[in-house]
Amino acid sequence: MIGLSYLMNSESLQVLAQTSVGNSTPAAQSPTERIVYEFARAETLDGWWVWAAIVLAVVIGTSLCYFFYRRDVAELPRPVRWTLIGLRLTVILALVFLFFDLVRRTERRVTRPSEVVVLVDTSQSMSLPADGTIDAPSRIQRTIDLIDQAKLIETFGDNHRTSVYSLGGPEGGSGQPELITTSAAVTGVDADESGNGETTTSNSATTAVTTSDLQASTNPFVLFGLFCLTAGAIASGLALFTGASAGLRGRASASDATQSTTALRGGSQASRTPTSSGSESVGWFLLVAAITLGLGIISLGSVYAVRTEQSFRNVVGLDNTISPPTDSSSEPASEKEDEGPKQQVVDWETALAANDAQSRIGDALRSILVDHDLTTLAGVVIITDGQNNGGAPLSSALSLARRGEVSLYPIGLGSSRPPTNVRVVDLEAPRRVYPGDKFAVASVLQATGPTAMDVEVELIDALDTGEANNSGNNDNSSNGSDQSNPNTLAGGQVLQTQKVHLEPDASLSGIRFEIEPQTVGRRRLAVRIVAPREDRNSADDMQTARYEVVARKLKVLAIAGGPTREYRFVRNLLYRDESVELDVWLQTGRTGMSQDADQLLTEFPPTAEDLFAYDAVMMFDPDWSAIDSASLDLIDRFLTQQAGGLILVAGPVYHPKITSKRGDTRSSQINGFFPVNLATRGPLLGGGRQGGRNAWPLEFTPEASTAEFLWIADTPEESFEIWNEYGSVYDYVGVKSAKPGAKAYAYFSDPTTEVSGSLPIFAASQFYGAGRVYFQGSGEMWRLRAAGDQYFDSYYTKLIRWVSEGRLLRDSNRGVLLVDASRVMVGQTVTLRAVLVDDQFQPLTDPFVTAKLLTPDGKIKDIRMSPAADSPRGGTYTGNFVATTSGGYEVQLTVGDALDEQTLRQTVQVRLPTSELERPRRADEELQQLASTTRGLYFPVDTNTSISSIAQELTTKIEPQPQITLLAGTPDRLFGERRNAVLMWLIASLLTFEWITRRLHRLA
């Protein structure tokens, strides 16, 4: 009875399961799992009357059993009566136990950890100073300090899973936050009912047990059971021996030999009428045997039923080999610990580059609240200057946070009261001009402070010494400037001075100068503000830009398949340009025909010397069949080795014939020059349009905003207004897609021409080796002349100079360094391309080259340039960098050895967009409202604010809120089978023992 009651105690069974594998913890007993023993039948019984009926049936059954057994064994000694009644009652209780169906299941506790989201504003205004002090770090730099140096993620990691998002995706301003990293989830939560959420380490079960483990894990219940069974066997033997001895002594005087065969039966009969001492002894031995038999079976069988990973031979210690458990829940801890996210090493300067054109805080915050589970989201930390200047208003996200009871914790960066300051925001100047060619220099100014002010602005010109700019937007002593006054240029001459009225509300003011260069060579321009006395930061009073005055004429070859209107206008334009030397080949021309050109050709330049004399080749729907394979090879070399420029203006006559012969090697070579994949269908099947009835404006891409050859007016804004009004076209040629590495600038906007969700590309470019190739979908740019001849002239003049830039700016005979855009916005990626040769003028074969990037803040970074996969020839290397702050960048690439060292240079001017500069102050009121409305806390970051203290206070204020869910597993089938086997073993053994005892005492 004692053993049976133990078997019915589920808590004791759980203790037994935990101690049955020695010192190791079973697989199901990890911090997120718990073994549960329960009576399955009891869960299905509903209603008090059902329980009352069962209890009444058990009571009646046991009472009747006791009543009839007591009458049946009334004449037997007292120990025997107790033994027989106890055996039968134990069997009844075992049947009741079997009826209630004890099962074992693994209750899995799924813990969803508390989560904190850190949303970082990566708009371009975050590149502004963090406060109004001189030499203050940028706002994004203070953000990196908070996340990286103050270890904000690690601080949250003890209680929360932390996800870091930037404000927008790679395109900027998309409103969808970009996930940067997610810290690993909390490893485990204590499964006690207190719900303290104590972090623990999961230690799952073993899959194999060695001999030493088995010896160390010998269960005391097994030893006790073996001891009881042994004691029961001994007691049973003693009972039989004592009973037999008493029977023999009672028949010692019998002389009838025929009764000797019934000695055993006589002994039993004698046992009913023995001496009192003999009967009592046999009864006590039987009672001890019955009790030890039951306890032994229960103790040994309980361990056998619980330890399903072991056979019976393993349980009793006869076999040392233990098979691994088959339950999937006993998965090794090492595998379980590998599940879940792991925090990776993040380059925070790259990941948090201030590259978004707008601050769409409302859209990003709303997206986070929609995508995350608000029941476990303990809080959202927003690191921003508070300028929500795009997308949905903050109120929509605020209402969503209130409904989800999610607290917001804004961290405000920047100065709430900007000090009096004037600054040069941007400087625009051409990279290359010609002697006597008047050009414009445009600059943007900004002022903050209590009152408006009038300032003098100077235009300074100086010889470029070629040294690095190590002082940000201004030159220091490394390039010849005076260290005592960083806003000077060594040898600089003030060319012009203008007075400008600046409003104190941070609005932008433009200023424009016009100069006419006379001296040939590399030069440097600077726009400098003569700052008032109260100006707090003199480091931003000047910006510089490099330009080069090129003396030699630009030599251009124009090839046309016919005298189209576009060809004739461009030919006349270039022939009148004194800086251009023009040769033409009109393929339909006849001998003696007059052409406005410096030289008339009747065939393609036959030799490399002839072709390589040109800087750019323009082809207006040429007849490619008149250009042989040798000439195509020369074009390939002209682009890849000589950094020449190629302009391809498509047309309806010869262009469709390029793809008419798909298997022709010449067609494949011609296709390779184009930056786009040409359509293989003919014009009659949709491979383009000829003679369209309606004109459609070009749909420009974001890349067009940085393409200076499209700036046909004084400003980019005015230029694209003219394009939209007068730059509509009727026709295009069939193009499937842009090639990898190519840039698309414009699409033909007719929606009926859309194929597979994409409009036909009308303008695109690519690097081909060291050269540039530009594609134009039709010869209709002459329509710009309706707005003025100067716009058409500006487009083609800038375009020709842009494609031939590699030829004109070659710093060395060892190679050329190019950038895809010389003027970009903050946050854009600048692609570098270098075509290099060794000292034998063969393509360079080094696995990589390293360029130096000099940033506006004076830092020097290495750019690793790898061989270009898209280059048809060796020696071409590519790399890129992200423009993180405004100002002038310079890339330097050193080639050659110490005896013949040469440096290739390129400059890039980076500027901020207008929308991000109009309100540079920190929006304290808006950020405070975010915090107070959602029961959060606002942390303004001022000059003396400790970053570490903010991280610690955030950890204290944001309370963990994990969610724990209990999942009941399925019953353990093997445990049920062994439980039934043990019960059958127990019932059969007790009934057998009872039967033998009754037979020996001559009971029915």
Foldseek 3Di string as FASTA:
>chain_A
DVLVVCLVDFVSLQVLLQLQQPPAGALQPWQFKGKGKDQPQVVVDDDPVVVVVVVVVLVVVLVVLLVVLCVQCVLADPLQSVQLSVLVNVLSVLVVVVVSFIFMFMWGKDWFAFEEEEEEELAQLQCCFLEQFAPGGGNLVVVCCLCPVLVLCVLQQQGHWYWYWYQDDLVFPPLATDTFWIAWHQQHAHPDPVRPRHGDHTAHGDQWAFQVSLVSSQDVLLVLLVVLQVLLVVLLVVLLVLLLVQLCVVCVPPDDPVCVVCSLVSSLVVLSVTPPVSSVSSSVSLSSNSVSNLSSLSSLLSSCLSPLQDHSCSNNVNDRTTGGDPDPSRPGSVVVSPDTDHTDDGPSCQNSFSAHQFRQPLSHLQNVLVVDDLLSHLEYEYEELPDHPDDDDNVVSLVSLQVSLHFYAYEHTYFQAHAWAKFWFFKDDDAEAAAQGKDKIKTKMWTAHDFKDKWKKWKKKFAFPPFDAQAFQFRDPRGPDDNVQRNDHHRIDTDDMDIDIHGNLLAMDMDMDMDGDHDFFKMKMKMFIPDDPRHNYRSRRMGMDIHGHFHAAAEEEEEEQAPDPLSQLVQVLQLPDPRYAYEYEHQPDDPPDDDSHPYYDPAQPPDLVVVLVHQEYEYAQHQCVRQDPSNLVSVLCSQAPQQHFYEYAHDQPRVLVLLQDVPDPSSVSVCLLDQFAQDNDGVVVLQKDDPAPDWAQWAFDPVQLQQVLQQLDPHSVVSVVLSRVQVTDGIFGHTDGGDPQKAATTFRPDVVSDDPNDGGGAWIWHRANSFIYIYGGHSDRCSSCVVNPSSSSSNVVSVNCVRSVQNRQDQDSFWGKDWPGQEEEAFDKIKIKIAGAAPVRHADDDQWFWKWKQHSNSDIDIWIWGWDPSHPDHNMTMTMDGRRHFGKMKIWGWDDDPVDITIHMGMHGYGRDSSSSSRSGRPVVSQCCSNVSSVHHYHYDDPPDDSSVVSVVVSVRRDGSMDMDIDIGDTDPSSSVSSVVSSVVSSVVSVVSSVVSCVSNVRD
